[in-house]
């Protein structure tokens, strides 16, 4: 580990005695930030699709609880959930 007054960009450590960075060091920070931004933006479609899937699964579970609480059979739930059997619906949602 470098001492406080040393730069070690490979370890993502920069030192500034007065709280400012030289142009070259600012360039390192911006370049590092751009790498992370690119990775984040590249993976954004996957993250958004995953979030939508999780939200849909939660809405489905809530809907199943609601209809089951209203007296629907597992067979009815299975039929509405893509034509699966009542037993499969119970296994998935019960």
C-alpha atoms as a PDB file:
ATOM      1  CA  UNK A   1       0.000   0.000   0.000  1.00  0.00           C
ATOM      2  CA  UNK A   2       1.494   3.338  -1.004  1.00  0.00           C
ATOM      3  CA  UNK A   3       1.995   6.016   1.602  1.00  0.00           C
ATOM      4  CA  UNK A   4      -0.387   8.949   1.713  1.00  0.00           C
ATOM      5  CA  UNK A   5       1.757  11.222  -0.425  1.00  0.00           C
ATOM      6  CA  UNK A   6       2.182   8.740  -3.289  1.00  0.00           C
ATOM      7  CA  UNK A   7       0.083   8.124  -6.342  1.00  0.00           C
ATOM      8  CA  UNK A   8      -0.697   4.567  -7.285  1.00  0.00           C
ATOM      9  CA  UNK A   9      -3.145   4.733 -10.190  1.00  0.00           C
ATOM     10  CA  UNK A  10      -3.105   0.955 -10.645  1.00  0.00           C
ATOM     11  CA  UNK A  11      -4.519   0.652  -7.120  1.00  0.00           C
ATOM     12  CA  UNK A  12      -6.864   3.572  -7.901  1.00  0.00           C
ATOM     13  CA  UNK A  13      -5.101   5.771  -5.326  1.00  0.00           C
ATOM     14  CA  UNK A  14      -4.336   9.405  -6.051  1.00  0.00           C
ATOM     15  CA  UNK A  15      -3.015  11.893  -3.539  1.00  0.00           C
ATOM     16  CA  UNK A  16      -3.664  15.612  -3.418  1.00  0.00           C
ATOM     17  CA  UNK A  17      -2.363  17.731  -0.554  1.00  0.00           C
ATOM     18  CA  UNK A  18      -4.686  20.640  -1.317  1.00  0.00           C
ATOM     19  CA  UNK A  19      -7.742  18.757  -2.598  1.00  0.00           C
ATOM     20  CA  UNK A  20      -7.155  19.477  -6.269  1.00  0.00           C
ATOM     21  CA  UNK A  21      -5.699  17.278  -8.968  1.00  0.00           C
ATOM     22  CA  UNK A  22      -3.423  18.272 -11.802  1.00  0.00           C
ATOM     23  CA  UNK A  23      -4.715  18.065 -15.336  1.00  0.00           C
ATOM     24  CA  UNK A  24      -2.971  14.735 -15.897  1.00  0.00           C
ATOM     25  CA  UNK A  25      -4.511  13.233 -12.750  1.00  0.00           C
ATOM     26  CA  UNK A  26      -7.941  14.618 -13.625  1.00  0.00           C
ATOM     27  CA  UNK A  27      -7.489  12.885 -16.967  1.00  0.00           C
ATOM     28  CA  UNK A  28      -6.891   9.566 -15.173  1.00  0.00           C
ATOM     29  CA  UNK A  29     -10.027  10.039 -13.089  1.00  0.00           C
ATOM     30  CA  UNK A  30     -12.139  10.900 -16.124  1.00  0.00           C
ATOM     31  CA  UNK A  31     -10.740   7.957 -18.113  1.00  0.00           C
ATOM     32  CA  UNK A  32     -11.528   5.579 -15.243  1.00  0.00           C
ATOM     33  CA  UNK A  33     -15.021   7.040 -14.911  1.00  0.00           C
ATOM     34  CA  UNK A  34     -15.619   6.634 -18.661  1.00  0.00           C
ATOM     35  CA  UNK A  35     -14.699   2.930 -18.444  1.00  0.00           C
ATOM     36  CA  UNK A  36     -17.257   2.408 -15.671  1.00  0.00           C
ATOM     37  CA  UNK A  37     -19.851   4.495 -17.499  1.00  0.00           C
ATOM     38  CA  UNK A  38     -19.363   2.435 -20.661  1.00  0.00           C
ATOM     39  CA  UNK A  39     -19.746  -0.837 -18.725  1.00  0.00           C
ATOM     40  CA  UNK A  40     -22.856   0.460 -16.992  1.00  0.00           C
ATOM     41  CA  UNK A  41     -24.457   1.737 -20.192  1.00  0.00           C
ATOM     42  CA  UNK A  42     -23.587  -1.450 -22.072  1.00  0.00           C
ATOM     43  CA  UNK A  43     -25.335  -3.579 -19.441  1.00  0.00           C
ATOM     44  CA  UNK A  44     -28.318  -1.236 -18.991  1.00  0.00           C
ATOM     45  CA  UNK A  45     -30.679  -3.236 -21.272  1.00  0.00           C
ATOM     46  CA  UNK A  46     -30.024  -6.383 -19.240  1.00  0.00           C
ATOM     47  CA  UNK A  47     -30.575  -4.541 -15.954  1.00  0.00           C
ATOM     48  CA  UNK A  48     -33.816  -2.969 -17.184  1.00  0.00           C
ATOM     49  CA  UNK A  49     -35.130  -6.284 -18.505  1.00  0.00           C
ATOM     50  CA  UNK A  50     -34.251  -7.988 -15.223  1.00  0.00           C
ATOM     51  CA  UNK A  51     -35.985  -5.274 -13.211  1.00  0.00           C
ATOM     52  CA  UNK A  52     -39.089  -5.614 -15.400  1.00  0.00           C
ATOM     53  CA  UNK A  53     -39.063  -9.384 -14.938  1.00  0.00           C
ATOM     54  CA  UNK A  54     -38.807  -9.085 -11.154  1.00  0.00           C
ATOM     55  CA  UNK A  55     -41.653  -6.563 -11.095  1.00  0.00           C
ATOM     56  CA  UNK A  56     -43.805  -8.812 -13.308  1.00  0.00           C
ATOM     57  CA  UNK A  57     -43.117 -11.812 -11.076  1.00  0.00           C
ATOM     58  CA  UNK A  58     -44.163  -9.775  -8.040  1.00  0.00           C
ATOM     59  CA  UNK A  59     -47.375  -8.627  -9.756  1.00  0.00           C
ATOM     60  CA  UNK A  60     -48.119 -12.224 -10.763  1.00  0.00           C
ATOM     61  CA  UNK A  61     -47.606 -13.495  -7.214  1.00  0.00           C
ATOM     62  CA  UNK A  62     -49.885 -10.741  -5.873  1.00  0.00           C
ATOM     63  CA  UNK A  63     -52.514 -11.561  -8.485  1.00  0.00           C
ATOM     64  CA  UNK A  64     -52.399 -15.253  -7.607  1.00  0.00           C
ATOM     65  CA  UNK A  65     -52.793 -14.452  -3.901  1.00  0.00           C
ATOM     66  CA  UNK A  66     -55.731 -12.207  -4.719  1.00  0.00           C
ATOM     67  CA  UNK A  67     -57.601 -14.701  -6.900  1.00  0.00           C
ATOM     68  CA  UNK A  68     -56.871 -17.596  -4.555  1.00  0.00           C
ATOM     69  CA  UNK A  69     -58.196 -15.468  -1.679  1.00  0.00           C
ATOM     70  CA  UNK A  70     -61.310 -14.849  -3.772  1.00  0.00           C
ATOM     71  CA  UNK A  71     -61.872 -18.590  -4.143  1.00  0.00           C
ATOM     72  CA  UNK A  72     -60.190 -19.467  -7.446  1.00  0.00           C
ATOM     73  CA  UNK A  73     -58.942 -23.027  -7.728  1.00  0.00           C
ATOM     74  CA  UNK A  74     -55.360 -23.945  -8.510  1.00  0.00           C
ATOM     75  CA  UNK A  75     -56.646 -25.350 -11.809  1.00  0.00           C
ATOM     76  CA  UNK A  76     -58.112 -21.930 -12.691  1.00  0.00           C
ATOM     77  CA  UNK A  77     -54.858 -20.217 -11.723  1.00  0.00           C
ATOM     78  CA  UNK A  78     -52.866 -22.676 -13.831  1.00  0.00           C
ATOM     79  CA  UNK A  79     -55.111 -22.163 -16.844  1.00  0.00           C
ATOM     80  CA  UNK A  80     -54.713 -18.380 -16.573  1.00  0.00           C
ATOM     81  CA  UNK A  81     -50.953 -18.677 -16.042  1.00  0.00           C
ATOM     82  CA  UNK A  82     -50.202 -20.168 -19.421  1.00  0.00           C
ATOM     83  CA  UNK A  83     -52.180 -23.385 -19.315  1.00  0.00           C
ATOM     84  CA  UNK A  84     -50.165 -25.181 -16.677  1.00  0.00           C
ATOM     85  CA  UNK A  85     -51.758 -27.760 -14.419  1.00  0.00           C
ATOM     86  CA  UNK A  86     -53.253 -26.898 -11.064  1.00  0.00           C
ATOM     87  CA  UNK A  87     -50.495 -28.895  -9.422  1.00  0.00           C
ATOM     88  CA  UNK A  88     -47.818 -26.956 -11.306  1.00  0.00           C
ATOM     89  CA  UNK A  89     -49.524 -23.665 -10.397  1.00  0.00           C
ATOM     90  CA  UNK A  90     -49.574 -24.655  -6.733  1.00  0.00           C
ATOM     91  CA  UNK A  91     -45.885 -25.584  -6.949  1.00  0.00           C
ATOM     92  CA  UNK A  92     -45.015 -22.288  -8.592  1.00  0.00           C
ATOM     93  CA  UNK A  93     -47.192 -19.975  -6.536  1.00  0.00           C
ATOM     94  CA  UNK A  94     -48.423 -21.885  -3.487  1.00  0.00           C
END
